[in-house]
């Protein structure tokens, strides 16, 4: 068989899997359920054309944790409302593992099944909402002034683009705010490996910050459905900011942490404005998403206002931690010399 014929047969074989429309198997008395949704929009079932490939590529990263009829979606699997709330459960797919690994079955404190795969019960916590949200670090030198006014300048296009749409602004903010902790934690991790030294807990602190910001995003995805051009903007902004912050942290961790401190100050201000719009009745104070209630241990009747308050408290904590890290470097020390603050969770 010629190499051209073999290549053609291989492409036809791969094409069937790549361009097929993914549909979950039918159960008795139930209609077929599409495998993916887009931010809670109507399920998509496409013909075997290239459009199906785009669904495969973007469905996971753009998927909401809520499906169209109140169905919870975790890791691409659609669960019925009864399953998500701990009610009568239908038979789930079992995973056969050669390695003898069994999926962990988690339960809440009241004994009901844990509904989330994106975080586990011991990640849930009660935030410190008494934290001072008005604190501000006054720039003391040229580098800090550049960092401060640079952050202020970055806010201008955001204000113009989003205006009073604070829900969409929050989605954009969190996709960016989750970057510095991951970059800083990664670089400290590699430094620890190279130098055979401890990090003083700062690797864990910065990665926890990144995870906390990501959970903010998972929450606000339930509140708003970003438009396609807002999603495209996320790709562009995140790509630029990640690389810029990576280089900045390599050059000057002190300046990098100071920039994040000022970014978090702006985040606190934005969420304060969000609260004012809710209190003035300009934004509906809808019930809090289920994921927020479990993550922050909120009461069952919590509202959007309660969610914004705890998110703002998280941002205030990240503000203080990053300004503290910058002060450590500014006084001629390394982060590993002082234990990292991990008390917010």
Protein backbone atom coordinates (compact mmCIF):
# COMPACT_ATOMS: atom_id res chain seq x y z
CA UNK A 1 0.00 0.00 0.00
CA UNK A 2 1.44 3.38 -0.95
CA UNK A 3 2.18 6.04 1.67
CA UNK A 4 -0.41 8.36 0.02
CA UNK A 5 -3.16 5.73 0.35
CA UNK A 6 -2.18 5.03 3.98
CA UNK A 7 -2.27 8.75 4.79
CA UNK A 8 -5.69 9.09 3.19
CA UNK A 9 -7.09 6.18 5.22
CA UNK A 10 -5.62 7.67 8.42
CA UNK A 11 -7.24 11.05 7.76
CA UNK A 12 -10.61 9.42 7.09
CA UNK A 13 -10.30 7.45 10.32
CA UNK A 14 -9.38 10.51 12.40
CA UNK A 15 -11.96 12.68 10.69
CA UNK A 16 -14.84 10.59 11.98
CA UNK A 17 -13.78 11.25 15.58
CA UNK A 18 -12.75 14.86 15.09
CA UNK A 19 -15.84 16.12 13.31
CA UNK A 20 -18.48 13.98 14.94
CA UNK A 21 -21.13 15.71 17.09
CA UNK A 22 -20.73 14.55 20.70
CA UNK A 23 -24.04 13.43 22.15
CA UNK A 24 -24.55 11.67 25.45
CA UNK A 25 -26.21 8.27 25.23
CA UNK A 26 -30.00 8.10 25.57
CA UNK A 27 -31.54 6.80 28.73
CA UNK A 28 -34.96 5.24 29.03
CA UNK A 29 -37.63 7.85 28.47
CA UNK A 30 -35.14 10.69 28.08
CA UNK A 31 -34.01 12.61 25.04
CA UNK A 32 -30.39 12.71 24.00
CA UNK A 33 -28.44 15.45 25.78
CA UNK A 34 -25.63 17.31 24.02
CA UNK A 35 -22.26 16.84 25.65
CA UNK A 36 -21.43 20.55 25.89
CA UNK A 37 -23.10 23.92 26.41
CA UNK A 38 -21.87 27.48 25.96
CA UNK A 39 -22.33 29.64 29.10
CA UNK A 40 -25.73 28.17 29.81
CA UNK A 41 -27.01 28.75 26.28
CA UNK A 42 -29.21 26.30 24.38
CA UNK A 43 -27.48 22.93 23.83
CA UNK A 44 -25.79 22.60 20.47
CA UNK A 45 -26.03 19.51 18.31
CA UNK A 46 -24.22 20.00 15.06
CA UNK A 47 -23.86 18.05 11.87
CA UNK A 48 -20.49 16.41 11.20
CA UNK A 49 -18.98 19.55 9.72
CA UNK A 50 -16.01 21.67 10.79
CA UNK A 51 -18.28 23.72 13.09
CA UNK A 52 -18.37 20.73 15.43
CA UNK A 53 -14.66 21.02 15.88
CA UNK A 54 -15.04 24.57 17.23
CA UNK A 55 -17.53 23.26 19.78
CA UNK A 56 -14.98 20.70 20.92
CA UNK A 57 -12.27 23.34 21.16
CA UNK A 58 -14.17 26.03 23.02
CA UNK A 59 -16.82 24.12 24.96
CA UNK A 60 -14.70 23.07 27.90
CA UNK A 61 -13.02 26.39 28.58
CA UNK A 62 -16.21 28.38 27.95
CA UNK A 63 -18.64 26.02 29.69
CA UNK A 64 -20.78 27.29 32.53
CA UNK A 65 -21.45 25.30 35.67
CA UNK A 66 -25.16 25.63 34.93
CA UNK A 67 -26.89 23.94 32.03
CA UNK A 68 -30.08 25.17 30.32
CA UNK A 69 -32.90 23.75 32.49
CA UNK A 70 -31.08 24.25 35.78
CA UNK A 71 -28.87 21.24 35.12
CA UNK A 72 -25.42 21.41 36.70
CA UNK A 73 -22.44 20.82 34.43
CA UNK A 74 -19.19 19.54 35.85
CA UNK A 75 -16.22 18.71 33.65
CA UNK A 76 -18.43 18.44 30.53
CA UNK A 77 -20.90 16.05 32.24
CA UNK A 78 -24.50 17.28 32.50
CA UNK A 79 -26.28 16.34 35.70
CA UNK A 80 -29.98 16.67 36.42
CA UNK A 81 -31.20 19.14 39.09
CA UNK A 82 -32.02 16.20 41.38
CA UNK A 83 -28.47 14.91 41.12
CA UNK A 84 -26.92 18.34 41.64
CA UNK A 85 -28.96 18.99 44.79
CA UNK A 86 -28.47 15.59 46.32
CA UNK A 87 -31.89 14.20 45.36
CA UNK A 88 -32.63 10.86 43.70
CA UNK A 89 -29.72 10.08 41.44
CA UNK A 90 -29.73 8.33 38.13
CA UNK A 91 -27.16 5.75 37.27
CA UNK A 92 -23.82 7.40 36.54
CA UNK A 93 -21.14 6.31 34.15
CA UNK A 94 -18.54 4.17 35.87
CA UNK A 95 -14.86 4.50 35.07
CA UNK A 96 -12.93 1.27 34.76
CA UNK A 97 -9.34 1.82 35.87
CA UNK A 98 -6.54 -0.67 35.30
CA UNK A 99 -4.65 1.15 38.08
CA UNK A 100 -7.28 0.46 40.72
CA UNK A 101 -8.12 4.15 41.23
CA UNK A 102 -11.68 4.82 42.31
CA UNK A 103 -13.35 8.25 42.02
CA UNK A 104 -13.64 9.91 45.41
CA UNK A 105 -17.22 10.23 46.67
CA UNK A 106 -17.46 13.42 48.70
CA UNK A 107 -20.28 14.56 50.94
CA UNK A 108 -21.22 17.81 52.64
CA UNK A 109 -21.40 18.27 56.39
CA UNK A 110 -25.08 17.36 56.35
CA UNK A 111 -24.33 14.10 54.53
CA UNK A 112 -25.66 15.15 51.11
CA UNK A 113 -23.49 14.45 48.04
CA UNK A 114 -20.92 17.10 47.12
CA UNK A 115 -22.02 18.54 43.78
CA UNK A 116 -18.77 20.09 42.51
CA UNK A 117 -15.72 18.72 40.75
CA UNK A 118 -14.04 22.11 40.36
CA UNK A 119 -13.28 22.36 44.09
CA UNK A 120 -13.55 20.12 47.14
CA UNK A 121 -15.24 20.69 50.53
CA UNK A 122 -12.02 21.56 52.37
CA UNK A 123 -11.39 24.38 49.88
CA UNK A 124 -14.55 26.10 51.09
CA UNK A 125 -14.08 28.80 53.73
CA UNK A 126 -15.67 31.80 55.45
CA UNK A 127 -13.98 35.02 54.25
CA UNK A 128 -13.02 37.87 56.55
CA UNK A 129 -15.46 40.57 55.42
CA UNK A 130 -14.30 42.87 58.22
CA UNK A 131 -11.06 43.62 56.37
CA UNK A 132 -10.40 47.30 55.65
CA UNK A 133 -11.31 47.89 52.01
CA UNK A 134 -10.17 51.55 52.01
CA UNK A 135 -6.44 50.99 52.55
CA UNK A 136 -4.07 52.40 49.92
CA UNK A 137 -0.33 52.18 49.50
CA UNK A 138 1.03 55.64 48.72
CA UNK A 139 3.82 55.45 46.08
CA UNK A 140 7.18 56.40 47.60
CA UNK A 141 9.54 56.31 44.62
CA UNK A 142 9.57 56.59 40.84
CA UNK A 143 9.09 52.86 40.21
CA UNK A 144 6.03 52.74 42.45
CA UNK A 145 4.59 55.85 40.83
CA UNK A 146 5.00 54.23 37.42
CA UNK A 147 3.30 51.08 38.72
CA UNK A 148 0.44 53.08 40.22
CA UNK A 149 -0.24 55.27 37.20
CA UNK A 150 0.27 52.35 34.85
CA UNK A 151 -2.56 50.49 36.59
CA UNK A 152 -4.70 53.64 36.52
CA UNK A 153 -4.06 53.96 32.79
CA UNK A 154 -5.10 50.33 32.19
CA UNK A 155 -8.40 51.08 33.89
CA UNK A 156 -9.36 53.74 31.34
CA UNK A 157 -10.13 51.42 28.38
CA UNK A 158 -11.92 49.06 30.77
CA UNK A 159 -14.20 51.86 31.94
CA UNK A 160 -14.91 52.88 28.35
CA UNK A 161 -15.60 49.34 27.16
CA UNK A 162 -17.70 47.99 30.04
CA UNK A 163 -19.16 51.21 31.53
CA UNK A 164 -21.78 50.13 34.10
CA UNK A 165 -21.81 46.44 33.14
CA UNK A 166 -20.08 45.36 36.32
CA UNK A 167 -20.89 41.69 35.89
CA UNK A 168 -19.04 41.51 32.57
CA UNK A 169 -16.30 43.70 34.01
CA UNK A 170 -15.89 41.20 36.86
CA UNK A 171 -15.49 38.33 34.38
CA UNK A 172 -12.73 40.21 32.55
CA UNK A 173 -11.11 41.30 35.82
CA UNK A 174 -10.92 37.78 37.22
CA UNK A 175 -9.41 36.26 34.07
CA UNK A 176 -6.54 38.74 34.50
CA UNK A 177 -6.35 38.72 38.30
CA UNK A 178 -5.79 34.95 38.33
CA UNK A 179 -2.58 35.31 36.30
CA UNK A 180 -0.07 36.93 38.74
CA UNK A 181 -0.45 34.32 41.47
CA UNK A 182 0.12 31.51 39.01
CA UNK A 183 3.14 33.21 37.43
CA UNK A 184 4.70 34.13 40.77
CA UNK A 185 4.05 30.70 42.27
CA UNK A 186 5.48 28.98 39.19
CA UNK A 187 8.67 31.06 39.20
CA UNK A 188 9.16 30.60 42.95
CA UNK A 189 8.60 26.87 42.48
CA UNK A 190 11.29 26.66 39.82
CA UNK A 191 13.63 28.79 41.93
CA UNK A 192 13.10 26.45 44.87
CA UNK A 193 14.00 23.49 42.68
CA UNK A 194 17.11 25.15 41.27
CA UNK A 195 18.44 26.33 44.62
CA UNK A 196 17.34 23.36 46.74
CA UNK A 197 15.65 25.70 49.22
CA UNK A 198 12.30 26.19 50.91
CA UNK A 199 9.92 28.96 49.86
CA UNK A 200 8.52 29.93 53.25
CA UNK A 201 5.06 28.89 52.08
CA UNK A 202 4.91 31.57 49.39
CA UNK A 203 4.48 29.10 46.55
CA UNK A 204 1.34 27.78 48.18
CA UNK A 205 0.13 31.30 49.04
CA UNK A 206 0.44 32.61 45.48
CA UNK A 207 -1.10 29.50 43.89
CA UNK A 208 -3.96 29.71 46.41
CA UNK A 209 -4.46 33.31 45.33
CA UNK A 210 -4.66 32.26 41.68
CA UNK A 211 -7.16 29.51 42.52
CA UNK A 212 -9.27 31.90 44.57
CA UNK A 213 -9.42 34.35 41.66
CA UNK A 214 -10.40 31.51 39.32
CA UNK A 215 -13.27 30.62 41.61
CA UNK A 216 -14.40 34.24 41.39
CA UNK A 217 -14.60 33.73 37.64
CA UNK A 218 -16.50 30.46 37.98
CA UNK A 219 -19.01 32.32 40.15
CA UNK A 220 -19.56 35.33 37.90
CA UNK A 221 -19.97 33.04 34.90
CA UNK A 222 -23.25 32.08 36.57
CA UNK A 223 -24.34 35.71 36.83
CA UNK A 224 -23.59 36.93 33.31
CA UNK A 225 -23.10 35.40 29.87
CA UNK A 226 -20.21 37.22 28.17
CA UNK A 227 -20.69 37.97 24.49
CA UNK A 228 -18.40 36.50 21.86
CA UNK A 229 -16.32 39.67 21.48
CA UNK A 230 -15.84 39.85 25.25
CA UNK A 231 -14.53 36.30 25.20
CA UNK A 232 -12.17 37.23 22.38
CA UNK A 233 -10.98 40.19 24.43
CA UNK A 234 -10.19 37.83 27.30
CA UNK A 235 -7.89 35.80 25.03
CA UNK A 236 -6.03 38.91 23.90
CA UNK A 237 -5.72 40.61 27.28
CA UNK A 238 -4.73 37.44 29.12
CA UNK A 239 -2.09 36.57 26.53
CA UNK A 240 -0.51 40.02 26.70
CA UNK A 241 -0.70 40.33 30.47
CA UNK A 242 0.71 36.86 31.18
CA UNK A 243 3.85 37.46 29.15
CA UNK A 244 4.31 41.02 30.41
CA UNK A 245 3.96 39.97 34.04
CA UNK A 246 6.24 36.96 33.53
CA UNK A 247 9.03 39.23 32.29
CA UNK A 248 8.34 41.82 35.00
CA UNK A 249 8.61 39.21 37.76
CA UNK A 250 11.92 37.95 36.39
CA UNK A 251 13.29 41.51 36.35
CA UNK A 252 11.86 42.81 39.62
CA UNK A 253 9.62 40.74 41.92
CA UNK A 254 9.29 43.83 44.12
CA UNK A 255 7.75 45.86 41.30
CA UNK A 256 5.64 42.94 40.10
CA UNK A 257 4.03 42.47 43.51
CA UNK A 258 3.49 46.23 43.82
CA UNK A 259 1.66 46.26 40.49
CA UNK A 260 -0.61 43.46 41.69
CA UNK A 261 -1.22 45.35 44.93
CA UNK A 262 -2.46 48.34 42.91
CA UNK A 263 -4.48 46.08 40.61
CA UNK A 264 -6.24 44.63 43.65
CA UNK A 265 -6.92 48.14 44.95
CA UNK A 266 -8.70 48.85 41.68
CA UNK A 267 -10.57 45.56 42.01
CA UNK A 268 -11.78 46.56 45.48
CA UNK A 269 -12.96 49.89 44.06
CA UNK A 270 -14.78 48.18 41.17
CA UNK A 271 -16.63 45.80 43.48
CA UNK A 272 -17.54 48.72 45.75
CA UNK A 273 -19.13 50.42 42.74
CA UNK A 274 -20.85 47.13 41.90
CA UNK A 275 -22.37 47.10 45.40
CA UNK A 276 -23.61 50.67 45.00
CA UNK A 277 -25.39 49.77 41.76
CA UNK A 278 -27.07 46.82 43.50
CA UNK A 279 -28.08 48.94 46.51
CA UNK A 280 -29.49 51.65 44.21
CA UNK A 281 -31.62 49.07 42.41
CA UNK A 282 -29.87 49.53 39.07
CA UNK A 283 -28.66 45.91 39.13
CA UNK A 284 -31.05 43.18 40.23
CA UNK A 285 -30.04 41.50 43.47
CA UNK A 286 -30.59 37.96 42.19
CA UNK A 287 -30.08 34.81 44.29
CA UNK A 288 -26.45 33.80 44.74
CA UNK A 289 -25.19 31.00 42.45
CA UNK A 290 -25.06 27.59 44.12
CA UNK A 291 -21.31 27.38 43.58
CA UNK A 292 -20.81 30.61 45.55
CA UNK A 293 -22.96 29.38 48.43
CA UNK A 294 -20.85 26.25 48.81
CA UNK A 295 -17.46 27.89 48.19
CA UNK A 296 -17.86 30.77 50.67
CA UNK A 297 -20.18 28.86 53.03
CA UNK A 298 -22.92 31.41 52.51
CA UNK A 299 -26.46 30.95 53.81
CA UNK A 300 -28.90 29.21 51.49
CA UNK A 301 -30.80 32.46 50.87
CA UNK A 302 -27.68 34.47 49.98
CA UNK A 303 -27.93 36.99 47.15
CA UNK A 304 -25.66 38.57 44.56
CA UNK A 305 -24.91 41.36 47.03
CA UNK A 306 -23.54 38.83 49.51
CA UNK A 307 -21.35 37.35 46.79
CA UNK A 308 -19.89 40.73 45.81
CA UNK A 309 -19.10 41.48 49.47
CA UNK A 310 -17.11 38.26 49.97
CA UNK A 311 -15.34 38.64 46.61
CA UNK A 312 -14.34 42.20 47.55
CA UNK A 313 -12.97 40.90 50.85
CA UNK A 314 -10.86 38.35 48.96
CA UNK A 315 -9.48 41.09 46.70
CA UNK A 316 -8.62 43.22 49.73
CA UNK A 317 -6.68 40.29 51.18
CA UNK A 318 -4.78 39.79 47.90
CA UNK A 319 -4.02 43.54 47.92
CA UNK A 320 -2.45 43.35 51.36
CA UNK A 321 -0.48 40.16 50.63
CA UNK A 322 1.08 41.55 47.45
CA UNK A 323 1.95 44.93 48.99
CA UNK A 324 3.48 42.98 51.90
CA UNK A 325 5.54 40.85 49.48
CA UNK A 326 6.76 43.99 47.73
CA UNK A 327 7.74 45.52 51.09
CA UNK A 328 9.76 42.40 51.93
CA UNK A 329 11.77 42.76 48.73
CA UNK A 330 12.03 46.53 49.22
CA UNK A 331 13.67 46.05 52.63
CA UNK A 332 16.35 43.78 51.17
CA UNK A 333 14.89 40.42 52.18
CA UNK A 334 13.65 37.39 50.29
CA UNK A 335 10.14 36.02 50.57
CA UNK A 336 11.38 32.72 51.98
CA UNK A 337 12.70 34.53 55.08
CA UNK A 338 9.18 35.33 56.30
CA UNK A 339 6.23 32.93 56.47
CA UNK A 340 3.54 33.56 53.92
CA UNK A 341 0.11 34.73 55.15
CA UNK A 342 -2.32 31.87 54.59
CA UNK A 343 -5.02 32.84 57.08
CA UNK A 344 -7.67 33.90 54.51
CA UNK A 345 -8.77 30.30 53.97
